[in-house]
C-alpha atoms as a PDB file:
ATOM      1  CA  UNK A   1      51.772   4.010  42.465  1.00  0.00           C
ATOM      2  CA  UNK A   2      53.830   6.764  40.788  1.00  0.00           C
ATOM      3  CA  UNK A   3      52.343  10.143  39.934  1.00  0.00           C
ATOM      4  CA  UNK A   4      53.959  12.413  37.376  1.00  0.00           C
ATOM      5  CA  UNK A   5      53.834  16.158  38.052  1.00  0.00           C
ATOM      6  CA  UNK A   6      54.444  18.487  35.097  1.00  0.00           C
ATOM      7  CA  UNK A   7      55.100  22.219  35.303  1.00  0.00           C
ATOM      8  CA  UNK A   8      51.906  24.277  35.209  1.00  0.00           C
ATOM      9  CA  UNK A   9      52.755  27.859  36.200  1.00  0.00           C
ATOM     10  CA  UNK A  10      54.796  30.178  38.420  1.00  0.00           C
ATOM     11  CA  UNK A  11      53.493  32.057  41.442  1.00  0.00           C
ATOM     12  CA  UNK A  12      52.825  35.784  41.011  1.00  0.00           C
ATOM     13  CA  UNK A  13      56.230  36.676  42.473  1.00  0.00           C
ATOM     14  CA  UNK A  14      57.998  34.083  40.309  1.00  0.00           C
ATOM     15  CA  UNK A  15      59.646  32.388  43.290  1.00  0.00           C
ATOM     16  CA  UNK A  16      57.479  29.272  43.468  1.00  0.00           C
ATOM     17  CA  UNK A  17      56.785  26.734  40.731  1.00  0.00           C
ATOM     18  CA  UNK A  18      53.449  24.925  40.652  1.00  0.00           C
ATOM     19  CA  UNK A  19      53.364  21.446  39.131  1.00  0.00           C
ATOM     20  CA  UNK A  20      50.106  19.700  38.306  1.00  0.00           C
ATOM     21  CA  UNK A  21      49.776  15.974  38.869  1.00  0.00           C
ATOM     22  CA  UNK A  22      48.465  13.452  36.389  1.00  0.00           C
ATOM     23  CA  UNK A  23      45.064  12.261  37.588  1.00  0.00           C
ATOM     24  CA  UNK A  24      44.085   8.613  37.590  1.00  0.00           C
ATOM     25  CA  UNK A  25      40.588   7.115  37.098  1.00  0.00           C
ATOM     26  CA  UNK A  26      38.075   7.895  39.857  1.00  0.00           C
ATOM     27  CA  UNK A  27      38.278   4.442  41.423  1.00  0.00           C
ATOM     28  CA  UNK A  28      42.054   4.852  41.928  1.00  0.00           C
ATOM     29  CA  UNK A  29      42.152   8.428  43.212  1.00  0.00           C
ATOM     30  CA  UNK A  30      41.933   7.427  46.880  1.00  0.00           C
ATOM     31  CA  UNK A  31      44.878   5.058  46.412  1.00  0.00           C
ATOM     32  CA  UNK A  32      46.791   7.771  44.563  1.00  0.00           C
ATOM     33  CA  UNK A  33      46.295  10.304  47.375  1.00  0.00           C
ATOM     34  CA  UNK A  34      47.347   7.716  49.954  1.00  0.00           C
ATOM     35  CA  UNK A  35      50.530   6.867  48.063  1.00  0.00           C
ATOM     36  CA  UNK A  36      51.416  10.540  47.678  1.00  0.00           C
ATOM     37  CA  UNK A  37      50.809  11.224  51.373  1.00  0.00           C
ATOM     38  CA  UNK A  38      52.965   8.278  52.406  1.00  0.00           C
ATOM     39  CA  UNK A  39      55.698   9.304  49.974  1.00  0.00           C
ATOM     40  CA  UNK A  40      55.837  12.870  51.279  1.00  0.00           C
ATOM     41  CA  UNK A  41      55.817  11.825  54.928  1.00  0.00           C
ATOM     42  CA  UNK A  42      58.351   9.038  54.385  1.00  0.00           C
ATOM     43  CA  UNK A  43      60.715  11.068  52.221  1.00  0.00           C
ATOM     44  CA  UNK A  44      64.272  10.822  53.540  1.00  0.00           C
ATOM     45  CA  UNK A  45      67.789  11.769  52.549  1.00  0.00           C
ATOM     46  CA  UNK A  46      69.031   8.327  51.491  1.00  0.00           C
ATOM     47  CA  UNK A  47      65.824   7.127  49.863  1.00  0.00           C
ATOM     48  CA  UNK A  48      63.906  10.026  48.300  1.00  0.00           C
ATOM     49  CA  UNK A  49      60.381   9.131  47.259  1.00  0.00           C
ATOM     50  CA  UNK A  50      60.687  11.222  44.101  1.00  0.00           C
ATOM     51  CA  UNK A  51      62.891  11.955  41.148  1.00  0.00           C
ATOM     52  CA  UNK A  52      63.350  15.150  39.157  1.00  0.00           C
ATOM     53  CA  UNK A  53      63.565  15.095  35.373  1.00  0.00           C
ATOM     54  CA  UNK A  54      64.798  17.945  33.222  1.00  0.00           C
ATOM     55  CA  UNK A  55      64.478  16.858  29.627  1.00  0.00           C
ATOM     56  CA  UNK A  56      66.701  13.746  29.362  1.00  0.00           C
ATOM     57  CA  UNK A  57      68.483  14.205  32.688  1.00  0.00           C
ATOM     58  CA  UNK A  58      67.226  12.574  35.893  1.00  0.00           C
ATOM     59  CA  UNK A  59      68.322  12.746  39.547  1.00  0.00           C
ATOM     60  CA  UNK A  60      66.601  12.196  42.880  1.00  0.00           C
ATOM     61  CA  UNK A  61      67.972  15.458  44.271  1.00  0.00           C
ATOM     62  CA  UNK A  62      66.073  17.314  46.971  1.00  0.00           C
ATOM     63  CA  UNK A  63      63.092  19.596  46.311  1.00  0.00           C
ATOM     64  CA  UNK A  64      63.358  22.589  48.684  1.00  0.00           C
ATOM     65  CA  UNK A  65      60.114  23.963  50.080  1.00  0.00           C
ATOM     66  CA  UNK A  66      58.021  21.114  48.702  1.00  0.00           C
ATOM     67  CA  UNK A  67      54.314  21.213  49.542  1.00  0.00           C
ATOM     68  CA  UNK A  68      51.532  19.026  48.205  1.00  0.00           C
ATOM     69  CA  UNK A  69      47.857  19.847  47.796  1.00  0.00           C
ATOM     70  CA  UNK A  70      46.247  16.416  47.554  1.00  0.00           C
ATOM     71  CA  UNK A  71      42.808  17.707  46.579  1.00  0.00           C
ATOM     72  CA  UNK A  72      44.018  19.956  43.781  1.00  0.00           C
ATOM     73  CA  UNK A  73      46.805  17.473  43.018  1.00  0.00           C
ATOM     74  CA  UNK A  74      49.332  20.285  42.852  1.00  0.00           C
ATOM     75  CA  UNK A  75      52.930  20.309  44.031  1.00  0.00           C
ATOM     76  CA  UNK A  76      54.697  23.573  44.846  1.00  0.00           C
ATOM     77  CA  UNK A  77      58.390  24.169  45.523  1.00  0.00           C
ATOM     78  CA  UNK A  78      61.283  26.602  45.398  1.00  0.00           C
ATOM     79  CA  UNK A  79      62.178  26.020  41.766  1.00  0.00           C
ATOM     80  CA  UNK A  80      65.498  27.856  41.916  1.00  0.00           C
ATOM     81  CA  UNK A  81      66.611  25.716  44.853  1.00  0.00           C
ATOM     82  CA  UNK A  82      65.422  22.575  43.080  1.00  0.00           C
ATOM     83  CA  UNK A  83      67.348  23.444  39.925  1.00  0.00           C
ATOM     84  CA  UNK A  84      70.471  24.441  41.869  1.00  0.00           C
ATOM     85  CA  UNK A  85      70.559  21.034  43.577  1.00  0.00           C
ATOM     86  CA  UNK A  86      69.814  19.228  40.314  1.00  0.00           C
ATOM     87  CA  UNK A  87      72.462  20.875  38.163  1.00  0.00           C
ATOM     88  CA  UNK A  88      75.092  20.857  40.920  1.00  0.00           C
ATOM     89  CA  UNK A  89      74.859  17.064  40.909  1.00  0.00           C
ATOM     90  CA  UNK A  90      74.857  16.904  37.118  1.00  0.00           C
ATOM     91  CA  UNK A  91      77.967  19.110  37.025  1.00  0.00           C
ATOM     92  CA  UNK A  92      79.779  16.914  39.559  1.00  0.00           C
ATOM     93  CA  UNK A  93      78.939  13.818  37.489  1.00  0.00           C
ATOM     94  CA  UNK A  94      80.426  15.543  34.451  1.00  0.00           C
ATOM     95  CA  UNK A  95      83.623  16.437  36.313  1.00  0.00           C
ATOM     96  CA  UNK A  96      84.074  12.894  37.591  1.00  0.00           C
ATOM     97  CA  UNK A  97      83.674  11.309  34.164  1.00  0.00           C
ATOM     98  CA  UNK A  98      85.916  13.987  32.620  1.00  0.00           C
ATOM     99  CA  UNK A  99      88.651  13.085  35.118  1.00  0.00           C
ATOM    100  CA  UNK A 100      88.331   9.402  34.213  1.00  0.00           C
ATOM    101  CA  UNK A 101      88.430  10.135  30.481  1.00  0.00           C
ATOM    102  CA  UNK A 102      91.597  12.164  30.967  1.00  0.00           C
ATOM    103  CA  UNK A 103      93.276   9.143  32.524  1.00  0.00           C
ATOM    104  CA  UNK A 104      92.597   7.105  29.364  1.00  0.00           C
ATOM    105  CA  UNK A 105      94.775   9.313  27.173  1.00  0.00           C
ATOM    106  CA  UNK A 106      97.695   6.865  26.997  1.00  0.00           C
ATOM    107  CA  UNK A 107      95.289   4.052  26.098  1.00  0.00           C
ATOM    108  CA  UNK A 108      93.733   6.195  23.373  1.00  0.00           C
ATOM    109  CA  UNK A 109      97.147   6.944  21.863  1.00  0.00           C
ATOM    110  CA  UNK A 110      98.021   3.256  21.885  1.00  0.00           C
ATOM    111  CA  UNK A 111      94.798   2.245  20.141  1.00  0.00           C
ATOM    112  CA  UNK A 112      95.173   5.061  17.613  1.00  0.00           C
ATOM    113  CA  UNK A 113      98.680   3.891  16.766  1.00  0.00           C
ATOM    114  CA  UNK A 114      97.455   0.316  16.270  1.00  0.00           C
ATOM    115  CA  UNK A 115      94.613   1.484  14.045  1.00  0.00           C
ATOM    116  CA  UNK A 116      96.964   3.577  11.909  1.00  0.00           C
ATOM    117  CA  UNK A 117      99.215   0.527  11.473  1.00  0.00           C
ATOM    118  CA  UNK A 118      96.266  -1.534  10.232  1.00  0.00           C
ATOM    119  CA  UNK A 119      95.566  -3.532  13.408  1.00  0.00           C
ATOM    120  CA  UNK A 120      91.886  -4.320  14.100  1.00  0.00           C
ATOM    121  CA  UNK A 121      90.955  -2.330  17.240  1.00  0.00           C
ATOM    122  CA  UNK A 122      87.202  -3.044  17.267  1.00  0.00           C
ATOM    123  CA  UNK A 123      87.428  -5.244  20.379  1.00  0.00           C
ATOM    124  CA  UNK A 124      89.378  -2.563  22.226  1.00  0.00           C
ATOM    125  CA  UNK A 125      86.806   0.063  21.267  1.00  0.00           C
ATOM    126  CA  UNK A 126      83.900  -2.111  22.413  1.00  0.00           C
ATOM    127  CA  UNK A 127      85.652  -2.738  25.718  1.00  0.00           C
ATOM    128  CA  UNK A 128      86.181   1.005  26.206  1.00  0.00           C
ATOM    129  CA  UNK A 129      82.529   1.736  25.483  1.00  0.00           C
ATOM    130  CA  UNK A 130      81.568  -0.808  28.117  1.00  0.00           C
ATOM    131  CA  UNK A 131      84.075   0.634  30.594  1.00  0.00           C
ATOM    132  CA  UNK A 132      82.792   4.150  29.923  1.00  0.00           C
ATOM    133  CA  UNK A 133      79.222   3.067  30.667  1.00  0.00           C
ATOM    134  CA  UNK A 134      80.247   1.347  33.897  1.00  0.00           C
ATOM    135  CA  UNK A 135      82.323   4.352  34.957  1.00  0.00           C
ATOM    136  CA  UNK A 136      79.414   6.697  34.267  1.00  0.00           C
ATOM    137  CA  UNK A 137      77.224   4.667  36.605  1.00  0.00           C
ATOM    138  CA  UNK A 138      79.937   4.740  39.282  1.00  0.00           C
ATOM    139  CA  UNK A 139      80.199   8.522  38.907  1.00  0.00           C
ATOM    140  CA  UNK A 140      76.419   8.959  39.238  1.00  0.00           C
ATOM    141  CA  UNK A 141      76.631   6.869  42.396  1.00  0.00           C
ATOM    142  CA  UNK A 142      79.557   8.828  43.847  1.00  0.00           C
ATOM    143  CA  UNK A 143      77.964  12.201  43.069  1.00  0.00           C
ATOM    144  CA  UNK A 144      74.756  11.029  44.726  1.00  0.00           C
ATOM    145  CA  UNK A 145      76.664   9.891  47.822  1.00  0.00           C
ATOM    146  CA  UNK A 146      78.437  13.268  48.002  1.00  0.00           C
ATOM    147  CA  UNK A 147      75.041  14.983  47.974  1.00  0.00           C
ATOM    148  CA  UNK A 148      73.669  12.701  50.710  1.00  0.00           C
ATOM    149  CA  UNK A 149      76.702  13.455  52.888  1.00  0.00           C
ATOM    150  CA  UNK A 150      76.244  17.202  52.362  1.00  0.00           C
ATOM    151  CA  UNK A 151      72.546  17.021  53.227  1.00  0.00           C
ATOM    152  CA  UNK A 152      73.248  15.149  56.456  1.00  0.00           C
ATOM    153  CA  UNK A 153      75.881  17.717  57.424  1.00  0.00           C
ATOM    154  CA  UNK A 154      73.551  20.633  56.701  1.00  0.00           C
ATOM    155  CA  UNK A 155      70.398  19.201  58.271  1.00  0.00           C
ATOM    156  CA  UNK A 156      71.681  16.966  61.083  1.00  0.00           C
ATOM    157  CA  UNK A 157      75.328  17.987  61.586  1.00  0.00           C
ATOM    158  CA  UNK A 158      76.252  14.369  60.958  1.00  0.00           C
ATOM    159  CA  UNK A 159      79.415  13.432  59.072  1.00  0.00           C
ATOM    160  CA  UNK A 160      77.733  10.618  57.160  1.00  0.00           C
ATOM    161  CA  UNK A 161      79.828   7.889  55.536  1.00  0.00           C
ATOM    162  CA  UNK A 162      78.837   5.608  52.611  1.00  0.00           C
ATOM    163  CA  UNK A 163      79.512   2.591  54.848  1.00  0.00           C
ATOM    164  CA  UNK A 164      76.331   3.601  56.689  1.00  0.00           C
ATOM    165  CA  UNK A 165      74.325   2.870  53.559  1.00  0.00           C
ATOM    166  CA  UNK A 166      72.033  -0.068  53.042  1.00  0.00           C
ATOM    167  CA  UNK A 167      73.923  -1.316  49.971  1.00  0.00           C
ATOM    168  CA  UNK A 168      71.051  -3.501  48.739  1.00  0.00           C
ATOM    169  CA  UNK A 169      68.699  -0.544  48.957  1.00  0.00           C
ATOM    170  CA  UNK A 170      71.182   1.697  47.167  1.00  0.00           C
ATOM    171  CA  UNK A 171      71.578  -0.785  44.301  1.00  0.00           C
ATOM    172  CA  UNK A 172      67.797  -0.909  43.905  1.00  0.00           C
ATOM    173  CA  UNK A 173      67.554   2.884  43.822  1.00  0.00           C
ATOM    174  CA  UNK A 174      70.445   3.250  41.375  1.00  0.00           C
ATOM    175  CA  UNK A 175      68.894   0.670  39.053  1.00  0.00           C
ATOM    176  CA  UNK A 176      65.577   2.524  39.138  1.00  0.00           C
ATOM    177  CA  UNK A 177      67.329   5.775  38.254  1.00  0.00           C
ATOM    178  CA  UNK A 178      69.353   4.058  35.511  1.00  0.00           C
ATOM    179  CA  UNK A 179      66.192   2.618  33.959  1.00  0.00           C
ATOM    180  CA  UNK A 180      64.464   5.995  34.082  1.00  0.00           C
ATOM    181  CA  UNK A 181      67.483   7.707  32.499  1.00  0.00           C
ATOM    182  CA  UNK A 182      67.439   5.154  29.695  1.00  0.00           C
ATOM    183  CA  UNK A 183      63.741   5.813  29.059  1.00  0.00           C
ATOM    184  CA  UNK A 184      64.268   9.586  29.254  1.00  0.00           C
ATOM    185  CA  UNK A 185      67.094   9.327  26.735  1.00  0.00           C
ATOM    186  CA  UNK A 186      64.641   7.976  24.172  1.00  0.00           C
ATOM    187  CA  UNK A 187      62.248  10.922  24.526  1.00  0.00           C
ATOM    188  CA  UNK A 188      61.939  13.395  21.673  1.00  0.00           C
ATOM    189  CA  UNK A 189      61.356  17.139  21.976  1.00  0.00           C
ATOM    190  CA  UNK A 190      59.898  19.490  19.424  1.00  0.00           C
ATOM    191  CA  UNK A 191      62.874  21.860  19.653  1.00  0.00           C
ATOM    192  CA  UNK A 192      65.602  19.238  19.128  1.00  0.00           C
ATOM    193  CA  UNK A 193      66.212  20.483  15.575  1.00  0.00           C
ATOM    194  CA  UNK A 194      66.330  24.086  16.805  1.00  0.00           C
ATOM    195  CA  UNK A 195      69.091  23.214  19.268  1.00  0.00           C
ATOM    196  CA  UNK A 196      71.120  21.616  16.489  1.00  0.00           C
ATOM    197  CA  UNK A 197      70.713  24.784  14.386  1.00  0.00           C
ATOM    198  CA  UNK A 198      71.956  26.952  17.271  1.00  0.00           C
ATOM    199  CA  UNK A 199      75.276  25.083  17.220  1.00  0.00           C
ATOM    200  CA  UNK A 200      75.985  26.350  13.712  1.00  0.00           C
ATOM    201  CA  UNK A 201      77.662  29.752  13.422  1.00  0.00           C
ATOM    202  CA  UNK A 202      76.570  31.999  10.579  1.00  0.00           C
ATOM    203  CA  UNK A 203      79.790  33.777   9.652  1.00  0.00           C
ATOM    204  CA  UNK A 204      77.874  36.361   7.634  1.00  0.00           C
ATOM    205  CA  UNK A 205      76.428  37.747  10.849  1.00  0.00           C
ATOM    206  CA  UNK A 206      79.914  38.599  12.124  1.00  0.00           C
ATOM    207  CA  UNK A 207      80.962  40.095   8.804  1.00  0.00           C
ATOM    208  CA  UNK A 208      77.942  42.419   8.706  1.00  0.00           C
ATOM    209  CA  UNK A 209      78.429  43.790  12.243  1.00  0.00           C
ATOM    210  CA  UNK A 210      78.586  47.595  12.580  1.00  0.00           C
ATOM    211  CA  UNK A 211      82.022  48.855  13.681  1.00  0.00           C
ATOM    212  CA  UNK A 212      80.539  52.004  15.189  1.00  0.00           C
ATOM    213  CA  UNK A 213      80.261  52.955  18.859  1.00  0.00           C
ATOM    214  CA  UNK A 214      77.012  51.074  19.382  1.00  0.00           C
ATOM    215  CA  UNK A 215      76.767  52.076  23.068  1.00  0.00           C
ATOM    216  CA  UNK A 216      73.022  52.668  22.910  1.00  0.00           C
ATOM    217  CA  UNK A 217      72.428  49.398  21.087  1.00  0.00           C
ATOM    218  CA  UNK A 218      74.554  47.578  23.657  1.00  0.00           C
ATOM    219  CA  UNK A 219      72.319  48.810  26.484  1.00  0.00           C
ATOM    220  CA  UNK A 220      69.245  47.645  24.627  1.00  0.00           C
ATOM    221  CA  UNK A 221      70.826  44.251  24.013  1.00  0.00           C
ATOM    222  CA  UNK A 222      71.501  43.815  27.732  1.00  0.00           C
ATOM    223  CA  UNK A 223      67.794  44.356  28.475  1.00  0.00           C
ATOM    224  CA  UNK A 224      66.859  41.911  25.733  1.00  0.00           C
ATOM    225  CA  UNK A 225      69.228  39.312  27.201  1.00  0.00           C
ATOM    226  CA  UNK A 226      67.634  39.683  30.648  1.00  0.00           C
ATOM    227  CA  UNK A 227      64.186  39.123  29.127  1.00  0.00           C
ATOM    228  CA  UNK A 228      65.503  36.096  27.257  1.00  0.00           C
ATOM    229  CA  UNK A 229      67.007  34.648  30.461  1.00  0.00           C
ATOM    230  CA  UNK A 230      63.648  34.898  32.244  1.00  0.00           C
ATOM    231  CA  UNK A 231      61.908  33.275  29.276  1.00  0.00           C
ATOM    232  CA  UNK A 232      64.485  30.469  29.226  1.00  0.00           C
ATOM    233  CA  UNK A 233      63.952  29.819  32.953  1.00  0.00           C
ATOM    234  CA  UNK A 234      60.227  29.319  32.433  1.00  0.00           C
ATOM    235  CA  UNK A 235      60.815  27.287  29.263  1.00  0.00           C
ATOM    236  CA  UNK A 236      63.109  25.011  31.254  1.00  0.00           C
ATOM    237  CA  UNK A 237      60.390  24.479  33.836  1.00  0.00           C
ATOM    238  CA  UNK A 238      57.967  23.592  31.058  1.00  0.00           C
ATOM    239  CA  UNK A 239      60.333  20.789  30.077  1.00  0.00           C
ATOM    240  CA  UNK A 240      60.715  19.426  33.604  1.00  0.00           C
ATOM    241  CA  UNK A 241      58.684  17.161  35.795  1.00  0.00           C
ATOM    242  CA  UNK A 242      58.640  15.738  39.289  1.00  0.00           C
ATOM    243  CA  UNK A 243      57.628  12.183  40.055  1.00  0.00           C
END
């Protein structure tokens, strides 16, 4: 039985995030608590019993300082550590796929030349889309393995190797993550349109800027930016969940 935990609030010092779990009907609460207890006790490096979702991105990266209050159905953790682990893996995935894309440059030039000469390149494009999808999955896998190796080195001083993996188990886990990413990719957020608007630059704003010294205004802007950063951190937590 899976339980979804959504961000509820921050601790008074802002260092700990509290997530509230989704309650089930009364007759299933005992089963829910048992599953959560087993998941927390059986959590391990290679087979985490959780996944972390930030909007449409999903990984099963570690949750530092995780604690679970079964009665209140609340999960607490070091949210900065959780986000650092999450986005480090997302960044590595991006670098791996970027490297692969760069190696396709000669192919892209060849297909472009064919298209410009009137040759039908639809089959080539479909094949590349398929290859891109397969490569993305391989990169998610490799980034995940790199994280597992790092965790073993940090926690157990063990130079872990992917050959130590239970490959059947890994395939099952990767499929579960792939399915959850697909479902997450279909989710809609109320601020999607706002994000699209932010990508547009209003040139009038730059034209109307004051050419004066502006030193006092600059200091005020720095304070405003700090406040905005804190607000964005909490907004990000509001759009995240732990399962």
